[in-house]
């Protein structure tokens, strides 16, 4: 004579619920790693487009496929560049893909120049020269020069030049001119493009 298990339907329901929860967690992790993540704006460096406390959504596929263009607003992991004394290990980099780890290591900036570009500051009107031509930047905070710091750079492969729209109040590639890499940020450290602020989804 066999024993009848007590509450067999309840046990089956619990197993099914557990499976659903596991699948939901896996799906949520995959979405964060491969599709979208949210970030809170920590500073005024991207005003007037983005303000302190704004929450932005980042589209990961642009970074994963290398589809980063001039004008894109991106979130970049600043460890090893804007935070030169903090070098993430492989596990920390992987964790950032899934939204795990510190959130104060990420910076939001605009891509001003990409690999192969030359960028110079500035012409007589205070505009940046991109590949020898004046760069129209309607997103820069009104009344601000393109940069008070003079510079001339050529962006190598695998790198981008980043600047905040609020040029007088932005720590960006200009702050790293004397550091290894000369201010150019590795594209592999880009988390993705901000949707609604230059993302390829808008084009």
N, C-alpha and C. Protein backbone atom coordinates (compact mmCIF):
# COMPACT_ATOMS: atom_id res chain seq x y z
N UNK A 1 0.84 -1.17 0.00
CA UNK A 1 0.00 0.00 0.00
C UNK A 1 0.90 1.25 0.00
N UNK A 2 0.65 2.16 -0.95
CA UNK A 2 1.47 3.37 -1.06
C UNK A 2 0.84 4.51 -0.29
N UNK A 3 1.73 5.39 0.17
CA UNK A 3 1.27 6.57 0.90
C UNK A 3 0.85 7.65 -0.08
N UNK A 4 -0.28 8.24 0.19
CA UNK A 4 -0.69 9.38 -0.62
C UNK A 4 -0.04 10.64 -0.07
N UNK A 5 0.68 11.38 -0.89
CA UNK A 5 1.29 12.61 -0.39
C UNK A 5 0.21 13.60 0.02
N UNK A 6 0.51 14.37 1.05
CA UNK A 6 -0.47 15.36 1.49
C UNK A 6 -0.38 16.60 0.60
N UNK A 7 -1.52 17.12 0.24
CA UNK A 7 -1.63 18.34 -0.56
C UNK A 7 -0.78 18.29 -1.84
N UNK A 8 -0.98 17.28 -2.68
CA UNK A 8 -0.16 17.20 -3.90
C UNK A 8 -0.32 18.41 -4.81
N UNK A 9 -1.52 18.97 -4.88
CA UNK A 9 -1.73 20.13 -5.75
C UNK A 9 -0.95 21.35 -5.25
N UNK A 10 -0.91 21.50 -3.92
CA UNK A 10 -0.19 22.63 -3.36
C UNK A 10 1.30 22.52 -3.67
N UNK A 11 1.85 21.29 -3.57
CA UNK A 11 3.27 21.10 -3.87
C UNK A 11 3.57 21.39 -5.32
N UNK A 12 2.69 20.96 -6.20
CA UNK A 12 2.89 21.22 -7.63
C UNK A 12 2.83 22.72 -7.92
N UNK A 13 1.90 23.39 -7.24
CA UNK A 13 1.76 24.83 -7.44
C UNK A 13 3.01 25.56 -6.96
N UNK A 14 3.57 25.12 -5.81
CA UNK A 14 4.78 25.76 -5.28
C UNK A 14 5.96 25.55 -6.21
N UNK A 15 6.09 24.35 -6.77
CA UNK A 15 7.17 24.08 -7.72
C UNK A 15 7.03 24.96 -8.96
N UNK A 16 5.79 25.08 -9.45
CA UNK A 16 5.54 25.91 -10.63
C UNK A 16 5.84 27.37 -10.33
N UNK A 17 5.45 27.83 -9.12
CA UNK A 17 5.71 29.21 -8.74
C UNK A 17 7.21 29.47 -8.63
N UNK A 18 7.93 28.51 -8.05
CA UNK A 18 9.38 28.64 -7.94
C UNK A 18 10.04 28.75 -9.30
N UNK A 19 9.58 27.92 -10.25
CA UNK A 19 10.13 27.95 -11.60
C UNK A 19 9.86 29.30 -12.26
N UNK A 20 8.63 29.81 -12.07
CA UNK A 20 8.27 31.11 -12.65
C UNK A 20 9.16 32.22 -12.08
N UNK A 21 9.39 32.17 -10.76
CA UNK A 21 10.23 33.18 -10.12
C UNK A 21 11.67 33.13 -10.64
N UNK A 22 12.21 31.93 -10.80
CA UNK A 22 13.56 31.78 -11.32
C UNK A 22 13.65 32.32 -12.75
N UNK A 23 12.67 31.97 -13.57
CA UNK A 23 12.66 32.45 -14.95
C UNK A 23 12.53 33.98 -15.00
N UNK A 24 11.72 34.54 -14.09
CA UNK A 24 11.54 35.99 -14.05
C UNK A 24 12.85 36.68 -13.68
N UNK A 25 13.59 36.11 -12.71
CA UNK A 25 14.87 36.68 -12.31
C UNK A 25 15.89 36.60 -13.44
N UNK A 26 15.91 35.48 -14.14
CA UNK A 26 16.84 35.31 -15.27
C UNK A 26 16.50 36.31 -16.37
N UNK A 27 15.21 36.47 -16.64
CA UNK A 27 14.78 37.41 -17.68
C UNK A 27 15.14 38.85 -17.30
N UNK A 28 14.90 39.20 -16.03
CA UNK A 28 15.22 40.56 -15.58
C UNK A 28 16.72 40.82 -15.70
N UNK A 29 17.53 39.84 -15.34
CA UNK A 29 18.99 39.99 -15.43
C UNK A 29 19.42 40.14 -16.89
N UNK A 30 18.80 39.36 -17.77
CA UNK A 30 19.15 39.43 -19.20
C UNK A 30 18.76 40.79 -19.78
N UNK A 31 17.62 41.33 -19.35
CA UNK A 31 17.19 42.64 -19.84
C UNK A 31 18.18 43.72 -19.42
N UNK A 32 18.65 43.66 -18.16
CA UNK A 32 19.61 44.65 -17.67
C UNK A 32 20.95 44.51 -18.39
N UNK A 33 21.36 43.28 -18.64
CA UNK A 33 22.67 43.07 -19.27
C UNK A 33 22.67 43.38 -20.75
N UNK A 34 21.56 43.11 -21.43
CA UNK A 34 21.55 43.17 -22.89
C UNK A 34 20.64 44.23 -23.48
N UNK A 35 19.73 44.81 -22.67
CA UNK A 35 18.75 45.73 -23.25
C UNK A 35 18.75 47.10 -22.59
N UNK A 36 18.23 47.22 -21.39
CA UNK A 36 18.11 48.55 -20.78
C UNK A 36 18.53 48.54 -19.31
N UNK A 37 19.05 49.70 -18.89
CA UNK A 37 19.33 49.95 -17.48
C UNK A 37 18.95 51.39 -17.18
N UNK A 38 18.69 51.68 -15.91
CA UNK A 38 18.36 53.03 -15.48
C UNK A 38 19.48 53.60 -14.62
N UNK A 39 19.73 54.90 -14.79
CA UNK A 39 20.75 55.59 -14.02
C UNK A 39 20.19 56.94 -13.56
N UNK A 40 20.62 57.37 -12.38
CA UNK A 40 20.23 58.68 -11.86
C UNK A 40 21.35 59.69 -12.14
N UNK A 41 20.99 60.87 -12.61
CA UNK A 41 21.97 61.91 -12.93
C UNK A 41 22.50 62.51 -11.63
N UNK A 42 23.83 62.42 -11.40
CA UNK A 42 24.39 62.87 -10.12
C UNK A 42 24.86 64.32 -10.09
N UNK A 43 24.98 64.97 -11.25
CA UNK A 43 25.57 66.31 -11.27
C UNK A 43 24.90 67.16 -12.34
N UNK A 44 25.33 68.42 -12.39
CA UNK A 44 24.75 69.37 -13.36
C UNK A 44 25.53 69.42 -14.66
N UNK A 45 26.45 68.48 -14.88
CA UNK A 45 27.36 68.57 -16.04
C UNK A 45 26.66 68.41 -17.38
N UNK A 46 25.43 67.87 -17.38
CA UNK A 46 24.72 67.69 -18.65
C UNK A 46 23.54 68.64 -18.81
N UNK A 47 23.49 69.67 -17.97
CA UNK A 47 22.44 70.67 -18.17
C UNK A 47 22.70 71.46 -19.46
N UNK A 48 21.67 71.91 -20.16
CA UNK A 48 20.26 71.90 -19.77
C UNK A 48 19.49 70.65 -20.15
N UNK A 49 20.11 69.70 -20.83
CA UNK A 49 19.37 68.50 -21.27
C UNK A 49 18.95 67.63 -20.09
N UNK A 50 19.86 67.44 -19.14
CA UNK A 50 19.61 66.55 -18.00
C UNK A 50 19.95 67.27 -16.71
N UNK A 51 19.13 67.07 -15.69
CA UNK A 51 19.29 67.77 -14.43
C UNK A 51 19.58 66.79 -13.30
N UNK A 52 20.16 67.32 -12.22
CA UNK A 52 20.48 66.50 -11.06
C UNK A 52 19.22 65.79 -10.57
N UNK A 53 19.31 64.48 -10.38
CA UNK A 53 18.18 63.70 -9.90
C UNK A 53 17.35 63.05 -11.00
N UNK A 54 17.52 63.51 -12.25
CA UNK A 54 16.80 62.86 -13.36
C UNK A 54 17.20 61.40 -13.44
N UNK A 55 16.25 60.56 -13.80
CA UNK A 55 16.54 59.15 -14.05
C UNK A 55 16.45 58.91 -15.55
N UNK A 56 17.54 58.39 -16.12
CA UNK A 56 17.58 58.15 -17.56
C UNK A 56 17.64 56.65 -17.85
N UNK A 57 17.11 56.29 -18.99
CA UNK A 57 17.14 54.91 -19.45
C UNK A 57 18.21 54.76 -20.50
N UNK A 58 19.04 53.75 -20.34
CA UNK A 58 20.17 53.53 -21.24
C UNK A 58 19.93 52.29 -22.09
N UNK A 59 20.17 52.44 -23.38
CA UNK A 59 19.98 51.37 -24.35
C UNK A 59 21.31 50.65 -24.55
N UNK A 60 21.40 49.42 -24.02
CA UNK A 60 22.65 48.66 -24.02
C UNK A 60 23.11 48.21 -25.41
N UNK A 61 22.22 47.80 -26.32
CA UNK A 61 22.69 47.28 -27.61
C UNK A 61 23.61 48.21 -28.38
N UNK A 62 23.44 49.54 -28.25
CA UNK A 62 24.34 50.45 -28.96
C UNK A 62 25.78 50.22 -28.54
N UNK A 63 26.00 50.01 -27.23
CA UNK A 63 27.35 49.77 -26.73
C UNK A 63 27.84 48.37 -27.10
N UNK A 64 26.97 47.39 -26.99
CA UNK A 64 27.37 46.01 -27.25
C UNK A 64 27.73 45.79 -28.71
N UNK A 65 27.12 46.56 -29.61
CA UNK A 65 27.39 46.40 -31.05
C UNK A 65 28.37 47.45 -31.57
N UNK A 66 28.83 48.35 -30.69
CA UNK A 66 29.77 49.38 -31.12
C UNK A 66 29.12 50.48 -31.93
N UNK A 67 27.79 50.66 -31.78
CA UNK A 67 27.07 51.67 -32.56
C UNK A 67 27.01 52.99 -31.79
N UNK A 68 28.16 53.54 -31.50
CA UNK A 68 28.24 54.80 -30.78
C UNK A 68 28.63 55.90 -31.77
N UNK A 69 27.82 56.95 -31.86
CA UNK A 69 28.03 58.01 -32.84
C UNK A 69 28.27 59.36 -32.16
N UNK A 70 28.81 60.28 -32.93
CA UNK A 70 28.94 61.66 -32.43
C UNK A 70 27.55 62.17 -32.06
N UNK A 71 27.48 62.90 -30.98
CA UNK A 71 26.21 63.47 -30.53
C UNK A 71 25.46 62.59 -29.57
N UNK A 72 25.79 61.30 -29.50
CA UNK A 72 25.12 60.42 -28.55
C UNK A 72 25.45 60.83 -27.12
N UNK A 73 24.45 60.76 -26.26
CA UNK A 73 24.68 60.90 -24.83
C UNK A 73 24.83 59.50 -24.27
N UNK A 74 25.93 59.25 -23.57
CA UNK A 74 26.24 57.90 -23.12
C UNK A 74 26.50 57.87 -21.61
N UNK A 75 26.31 56.69 -21.05
CA UNK A 75 26.74 56.43 -19.68
C UNK A 75 28.01 55.61 -19.77
N UNK A 76 29.05 56.06 -19.05
CA UNK A 76 30.34 55.39 -19.11
C UNK A 76 30.78 55.01 -17.71
N UNK A 77 31.36 53.82 -17.59
CA UNK A 77 31.97 53.38 -16.33
C UNK A 77 33.28 54.14 -16.18
N UNK A 78 33.36 55.02 -15.19
CA UNK A 78 34.51 55.90 -15.05
C UNK A 78 35.70 55.30 -14.34
N UNK A 79 35.61 54.06 -13.91
CA UNK A 79 36.74 53.44 -13.23
C UNK A 79 37.90 53.23 -14.21
N UNK A 80 39.06 53.75 -13.81
CA UNK A 80 40.23 53.67 -14.67
C UNK A 80 40.42 54.87 -15.56
N UNK A 81 39.43 55.79 -15.57
CA UNK A 81 39.57 57.03 -16.36
C UNK A 81 39.20 58.22 -15.49
N UNK A 82 37.91 58.52 -15.35
CA UNK A 82 37.50 59.60 -14.48
C UNK A 82 37.81 59.28 -13.01
N UNK A 83 37.88 58.00 -12.70
CA UNK A 83 38.30 57.54 -11.37
C UNK A 83 39.57 56.74 -11.56
N UNK A 84 40.70 57.41 -11.76
CA UNK A 84 41.94 56.72 -12.17
C UNK A 84 42.49 55.75 -11.12
N UNK A 85 42.20 55.97 -9.86
CA UNK A 85 42.76 55.09 -8.82
C UNK A 85 41.92 53.85 -8.58
N UNK A 86 40.78 53.78 -9.25
CA UNK A 86 39.88 52.63 -9.08
C UNK A 86 39.90 51.80 -10.35
N UNK A 87 40.49 50.62 -10.29
CA UNK A 87 40.56 49.74 -11.45
C UNK A 87 39.66 48.52 -11.21
N UNK A 88 38.56 48.39 -11.94
CA UNK A 88 37.65 47.26 -11.71
C UNK A 88 38.24 45.96 -12.23
N UNK A 89 37.95 44.87 -11.51
CA UNK A 89 38.35 43.56 -12.00
C UNK A 89 37.25 43.01 -12.91
N UNK A 90 37.50 41.85 -13.49
CA UNK A 90 36.56 41.28 -14.47
C UNK A 90 35.18 41.04 -13.86
N UNK A 91 35.15 40.59 -12.60
CA UNK A 91 33.87 40.32 -11.96
C UNK A 91 33.09 41.61 -11.73
N UNK A 92 33.77 42.68 -11.38
CA UNK A 92 33.10 43.97 -11.17
C UNK A 92 32.58 44.53 -12.48
N UNK A 93 33.34 44.35 -13.55
CA UNK A 93 32.87 44.80 -14.86
C UNK A 93 31.64 44.01 -15.27
N UNK A 94 31.67 42.69 -15.06
CA UNK A 94 30.52 41.85 -15.38
C UNK A 94 29.32 42.25 -14.53
N UNK A 95 29.56 42.53 -13.26
CA UNK A 95 28.48 42.94 -12.37
C UNK A 95 27.81 44.21 -12.84
N UNK A 96 28.60 45.15 -13.38
CA UNK A 96 28.01 46.40 -13.86
C UNK A 96 27.06 46.16 -15.02
N UNK A 97 27.29 45.12 -15.79
CA UNK A 97 26.37 44.79 -16.88
C UNK A 97 24.99 44.45 -16.35
N UNK A 98 24.95 43.87 -15.16
CA UNK A 98 23.69 43.42 -14.56
C UNK A 98 23.17 44.41 -13.52
N UNK A 99 23.82 45.58 -13.43
CA UNK A 99 23.37 46.57 -12.46
C UNK A 99 23.77 46.24 -11.05
N UNK A 100 24.80 45.40 -10.88
CA UNK A 100 25.27 45.01 -9.56
C UNK A 100 26.55 45.78 -9.24
N UNK A 101 26.61 46.35 -8.06
CA UNK A 101 27.82 47.07 -7.66
C UNK A 101 27.54 48.54 -7.44
N UNK A 102 28.58 49.34 -7.18
CA UNK A 102 28.39 50.77 -6.89
C UNK A 102 27.83 51.51 -8.09
N UNK A 103 26.99 52.51 -7.80
CA UNK A 103 26.38 53.30 -8.87
C UNK A 103 27.07 54.65 -9.04
N UNK A 104 27.96 55.00 -8.10
CA UNK A 104 28.60 56.31 -8.17
C UNK A 104 29.86 56.30 -9.04
N UNK A 105 30.05 55.25 -9.82
CA UNK A 105 31.22 55.17 -10.71
C UNK A 105 30.84 55.48 -12.16
N UNK A 106 29.57 55.80 -12.38
CA UNK A 106 29.10 56.02 -13.75
C UNK A 106 28.95 57.51 -14.03
N UNK A 107 29.33 57.90 -15.26
CA UNK A 107 29.28 59.29 -15.69
C UNK A 107 28.42 59.38 -16.95
N UNK A 108 27.69 60.48 -17.07
CA UNK A 108 26.86 60.73 -18.25
C UNK A 108 27.47 61.89 -19.03
N UNK A 109 27.87 61.63 -20.26
CA UNK A 109 28.53 62.64 -21.10
C UNK A 109 28.06 62.51 -22.54
N UNK A 110 28.43 63.49 -23.35
CA UNK A 110 28.09 63.45 -24.77
C UNK A 110 29.33 63.09 -25.59
N UNK A 111 29.14 62.24 -26.59
CA UNK A 111 30.23 61.88 -27.51
C UNK A 111 30.41 63.03 -28.49
N UNK A 112 31.58 63.66 -28.44
CA UNK A 112 31.85 64.79 -29.32
C UNK A 112 32.72 64.36 -30.51
N UNK A 113 33.59 63.39 -30.30
CA UNK A 113 34.44 62.91 -31.39
C UNK A 113 34.65 61.41 -31.25
N UNK A 114 34.77 60.73 -32.38
CA UNK A 114 34.96 59.28 -32.40
C UNK A 114 36.28 58.95 -33.10
N UNK A 115 36.60 57.67 -33.18
CA UNK A 115 37.87 57.23 -33.76
C UNK A 115 38.10 57.83 -35.15
N UNK A 116 39.30 58.38 -35.35
CA UNK A 116 39.66 58.98 -36.62
C UNK A 116 39.41 60.47 -36.70
N UNK A 117 38.67 61.02 -35.73
CA UNK A 117 38.38 62.45 -35.73
C UNK A 117 39.54 63.24 -35.13
N UNK A 118 39.68 64.48 -35.59
CA UNK A 118 40.53 65.45 -34.91
C UNK A 118 39.60 66.50 -34.30
N UNK A 119 39.96 66.96 -33.11
CA UNK A 119 39.13 67.93 -32.41
C UNK A 119 40.04 69.00 -31.81
N UNK A 120 39.66 70.25 -32.03
CA UNK A 120 40.51 71.35 -31.58
C UNK A 120 39.65 72.44 -30.96
N UNK A 121 40.18 73.07 -29.94
CA UNK A 121 39.53 74.22 -29.33
C UNK A 121 40.49 75.40 -29.39
N UNK A 122 40.00 76.44 -29.87
CA UNK A 122 38.70 76.72 -30.48
C UNK A 122 38.93 77.74 -31.59
N UNK A 123 37.92 78.02 -32.39
CA UNK A 123 38.09 79.05 -33.42
C UNK A 123 37.80 80.42 -32.81
N UNK A 124 37.84 81.47 -33.63
CA UNK A 124 37.68 82.84 -33.13
C UNK A 124 36.32 83.07 -32.50
N UNK A 125 35.35 82.25 -32.88
CA UNK A 125 34.00 82.38 -32.33
C UNK A 125 33.77 81.50 -31.11
N UNK A 126 34.83 80.82 -30.67
CA UNK A 126 34.70 79.98 -29.48
C UNK A 126 34.09 78.62 -29.75
N UNK A 127 34.07 78.20 -31.02
CA UNK A 127 33.51 76.90 -31.38
C UNK A 127 34.61 75.85 -31.51
N UNK A 128 34.26 74.60 -31.22
CA UNK A 128 35.18 73.49 -31.47
C UNK A 128 35.36 73.29 -32.96
N UNK A 129 36.53 72.82 -33.35
CA UNK A 129 36.78 72.47 -34.75
C UNK A 129 36.87 70.95 -34.84
N UNK A 130 35.90 70.35 -35.51
CA UNK A 130 35.87 68.91 -35.72
C UNK A 130 36.32 68.62 -37.14
N UNK A 131 37.46 67.93 -37.25
CA UNK A 131 38.04 67.65 -38.57
C UNK A 131 38.20 68.93 -39.38
N UNK A 132 38.59 70.02 -38.67
CA UNK A 132 38.89 71.28 -39.33
C UNK A 132 37.70 72.19 -39.57
N UNK A 133 36.49 71.72 -39.24
CA UNK A 133 35.29 72.52 -39.49
C UNK A 133 34.61 72.88 -38.18
N UNK A 134 34.05 74.10 -38.08
CA UNK A 134 33.35 74.51 -36.86
C UNK A 134 32.20 73.56 -36.54
N UNK A 135 32.08 73.20 -35.28
CA UNK A 135 31.07 72.24 -34.85
C UNK A 135 29.89 72.98 -34.24
N UNK A 136 28.71 72.77 -34.81
CA UNK A 136 27.49 73.37 -34.27
C UNK A 136 27.03 72.53 -33.08
N UNK A 137 26.91 73.14 -31.91
CA UNK A 137 26.52 72.43 -30.69
C UNK A 137 25.33 73.11 -30.01
N UNK A 138 24.13 72.91 -30.53
CA UNK A 138 22.94 73.56 -29.96
C UNK A 138 22.61 73.09 -28.54
N UNK A 139 23.20 71.96 -28.14
CA UNK A 139 22.91 71.40 -26.83
C UNK A 139 23.74 72.02 -25.70
N UNK A 140 24.81 72.77 -26.05
CA UNK A 140 25.66 73.37 -25.02
C UNK A 140 24.88 74.45 -24.28
N UNK A 141 25.10 74.54 -22.97
CA UNK A 141 24.39 75.51 -22.14
C UNK A 141 24.57 76.91 -22.71
N UNK A 142 23.48 77.66 -22.77
CA UNK A 142 23.46 78.95 -23.44
C UNK A 142 24.49 79.92 -22.85
N UNK A 143 25.21 80.56 -23.73
CA UNK A 143 26.18 81.57 -23.32
C UNK A 143 27.56 81.03 -23.02
N UNK A 144 27.70 79.70 -23.01
CA UNK A 144 29.00 79.10 -22.68
C UNK A 144 29.84 78.89 -23.94
N UNK A 145 31.15 79.14 -23.82
CA UNK A 145 32.06 78.78 -24.89
C UNK A 145 32.14 77.25 -24.99
N UNK A 146 32.58 76.77 -26.13
CA UNK A 146 32.73 75.33 -26.30
C UNK A 146 33.68 74.76 -25.26
N UNK A 147 34.71 75.53 -24.91
CA UNK A 147 35.64 75.14 -23.86
C UNK A 147 36.55 76.32 -23.54
N UNK A 148 36.83 76.51 -22.27
CA UNK A 148 37.79 77.53 -21.87
C UNK A 148 39.21 77.00 -21.94
N UNK A 149 39.33 75.68 -22.01
CA UNK A 149 40.64 75.04 -22.10
C UNK A 149 40.98 74.76 -23.55
N UNK A 150 42.11 75.25 -24.01
CA UNK A 150 42.54 74.98 -25.38
C UNK A 150 43.14 73.57 -25.47
N UNK A 151 42.83 72.88 -26.56
CA UNK A 151 43.39 71.54 -26.76
C UNK A 151 43.31 71.17 -28.23
N UNK A 152 44.09 70.19 -28.61
CA UNK A 152 44.06 69.64 -29.96
C UNK A 152 44.36 68.15 -29.86
N UNK A 153 43.40 67.32 -30.27
CA UNK A 153 43.55 65.87 -30.11
C UNK A 153 43.14 65.14 -31.38
N UNK A 154 43.65 63.93 -31.51
CA UNK A 154 43.21 63.00 -32.55
C UNK A 154 42.77 61.73 -31.85
N UNK A 155 41.55 61.30 -32.13
CA UNK A 155 40.97 60.16 -31.42
C UNK A 155 41.40 58.86 -32.08
N UNK A 156 42.05 57.96 -31.34
CA UNK A 156 42.50 56.69 -31.92
C UNK A 156 41.38 55.65 -31.95
N UNK A 157 41.65 54.53 -32.58
CA UNK A 157 40.68 53.44 -32.65
C UNK A 157 40.31 52.97 -31.25
N UNK A 158 39.04 52.62 -31.09
CA UNK A 158 38.58 52.07 -29.82
C UNK A 158 38.38 53.09 -28.73
N UNK A 159 38.38 54.39 -29.09
CA UNK A 159 38.25 55.45 -28.10
C UNK A 159 37.24 56.50 -28.57
N UNK A 160 36.76 57.28 -27.63
CA UNK A 160 35.89 58.42 -27.94
C UNK A 160 36.31 59.60 -27.06
N UNK A 161 35.92 60.80 -27.48
CA UNK A 161 36.16 62.01 -26.70
C UNK A 161 34.80 62.46 -26.15
N UNK A 162 34.71 62.58 -24.84
CA UNK A 162 33.45 62.90 -24.18
C UNK A 162 33.51 64.28 -23.54
N UNK A 163 32.37 65.00 -23.60
CA UNK A 163 32.25 66.30 -22.93
C UNK A 163 30.85 66.45 -22.39
N UNK A 164 30.73 67.18 -21.27
CA UNK A 164 29.42 67.50 -20.75
C UNK A 164 28.86 68.72 -21.47
N UNK A 165 27.53 68.84 -21.54
CA UNK A 165 26.92 69.98 -22.22
C UNK A 165 27.12 71.28 -21.43
N UNK A 166 27.21 71.16 -20.11
CA UNK A 166 27.45 72.32 -19.26
C UNK A 166 28.97 72.49 -19.13
N UNK A 167 29.59 73.01 -20.16
CA UNK A 167 31.04 73.00 -20.28
C UNK A 167 31.79 73.64 -19.10
N UNK A 168 31.27 74.73 -18.50
CA UNK A 168 32.02 75.30 -17.38
C UNK A 168 31.99 74.44 -16.12
N UNK A 169 31.07 73.47 -16.07
CA UNK A 169 30.89 72.68 -14.85
C UNK A 169 30.85 71.19 -15.19
N UNK A 170 31.83 70.73 -15.95
CA UNK A 170 31.86 69.32 -16.35
C UNK A 170 33.28 68.77 -16.28
N UNK A 171 33.42 67.69 -15.53
CA UNK A 171 34.67 66.92 -15.56
C UNK A 171 34.52 65.90 -16.68
N UNK A 172 35.31 66.04 -17.73
CA UNK A 172 35.15 65.17 -18.89
C UNK A 172 36.52 64.88 -19.50
N UNK A 173 36.56 64.60 -20.79
CA UNK A 173 37.84 64.23 -21.42
C UNK A 173 38.90 65.31 -21.25
N UNK A 174 38.48 66.56 -21.15
CA UNK A 174 39.45 67.66 -20.98
C UNK A 174 40.22 67.51 -19.67
N UNK A 175 39.56 66.92 -18.66
CA UNK A 175 40.19 66.76 -17.35
C UNK A 175 41.28 65.71 -17.37
N UNK A 176 41.32 64.91 -18.44
CA UNK A 176 42.24 63.77 -18.49
C UNK A 176 43.34 63.96 -19.54
N UNK A 177 43.51 65.17 -20.03
CA UNK A 177 44.49 65.40 -21.10
C UNK A 177 45.90 64.97 -20.71
N UNK A 178 46.26 65.13 -19.46
CA UNK A 178 47.60 64.75 -19.04
C UNK A 178 47.71 63.33 -18.52
N UNK A 179 46.61 62.59 -18.56
CA UNK A 179 46.59 61.22 -18.04
C UNK A 179 46.85 60.22 -19.17
N UNK A 180 47.16 58.96 -18.84
CA UNK A 180 47.31 57.94 -19.87
C UNK A 180 46.05 57.88 -20.74
N UNK A 181 46.22 57.85 -22.04
CA UNK A 181 45.07 57.86 -22.95
C UNK A 181 44.73 59.24 -23.44
N UNK A 182 45.30 60.28 -22.79
CA UNK A 182 45.12 61.65 -23.27
C UNK A 182 43.69 62.14 -23.30
N UNK A 183 42.84 61.63 -22.42
CA UNK A 183 41.46 62.09 -22.37
C UNK A 183 40.50 61.24 -23.17
N UNK A 184 41.03 60.34 -24.00
CA UNK A 184 40.16 59.48 -24.80
C UNK A 184 39.69 58.29 -23.96
N UNK A 185 38.37 58.04 -24.00
CA UNK A 185 37.76 56.99 -23.19
C UNK A 185 37.55 55.75 -24.05
N UNK A 186 37.90 54.59 -23.51
CA UNK A 186 37.73 53.34 -24.26
C UNK A 186 36.25 53.04 -24.49
N UNK A 187 35.91 52.67 -25.69
CA UNK A 187 34.51 52.40 -26.02
C UNK A 187 33.97 51.21 -25.23
N UNK A 188 34.84 50.31 -24.82
CA UNK A 188 34.37 49.14 -24.07
C UNK A 188 33.85 49.51 -22.69
N UNK A 189 34.15 50.74 -22.22
CA UNK A 189 33.67 51.18 -20.92
C UNK A 189 32.33 51.89 -21.01
N UNK A 190 31.81 52.03 -22.22
CA UNK A 190 30.50 52.66 -22.40
C UNK A 190 29.40 51.64 -22.11
N UNK A 191 28.46 52.01 -21.24
CA UNK A 191 27.36 51.12 -20.88
C UNK A 191 26.24 51.15 -21.91
N UNK A 192 26.06 52.28 -22.57
CA UNK A 192 25.01 52.39 -23.57
C UNK A 192 24.66 53.84 -23.82
N UNK A 193 23.70 54.07 -24.71
CA UNK A 193 23.25 55.42 -25.04
C UNK A 193 21.97 55.75 -24.28
N UNK A 194 21.84 57.01 -23.91
CA UNK A 194 20.65 57.46 -23.19
C UNK A 194 19.51 57.61 -24.18
N UNK A 195 18.43 56.90 -23.94
CA UNK A 195 17.27 56.95 -24.83
C UNK A 195 16.61 58.32 -24.70
N UNK A 196 16.36 58.94 -25.85
CA UNK A 196 15.75 60.26 -25.85
C UNK A 196 16.77 61.38 -25.88
N UNK A 197 18.05 61.05 -25.77
CA UNK A 197 19.12 62.06 -25.82
C UNK A 197 20.21 61.59 -26.76
N UNK A 198 19.85 61.38 -28.02
CA UNK A 198 20.86 61.03 -29.01
C UNK A 198 20.96 59.55 -29.29
N UNK A 199 20.08 58.73 -28.68
CA UNK A 199 20.16 57.29 -28.92
C UNK A 199 19.86 56.98 -30.36
N UNK A 200 20.44 55.88 -30.84
CA UNK A 200 20.16 55.45 -32.20
C UNK A 200 18.68 55.09 -32.37
N UNK A 201 17.97 54.86 -31.27
CA UNK A 201 16.54 54.58 -31.38
C UNK A 201 15.77 55.78 -31.93
N UNK A 202 16.35 56.98 -31.75
CA UNK A 202 15.66 58.19 -32.20
C UNK A 202 15.87 58.46 -33.69
N UNK A 203 16.82 57.77 -34.30
CA UNK A 203 17.19 58.13 -35.66
C UNK A 203 16.48 57.24 -36.69
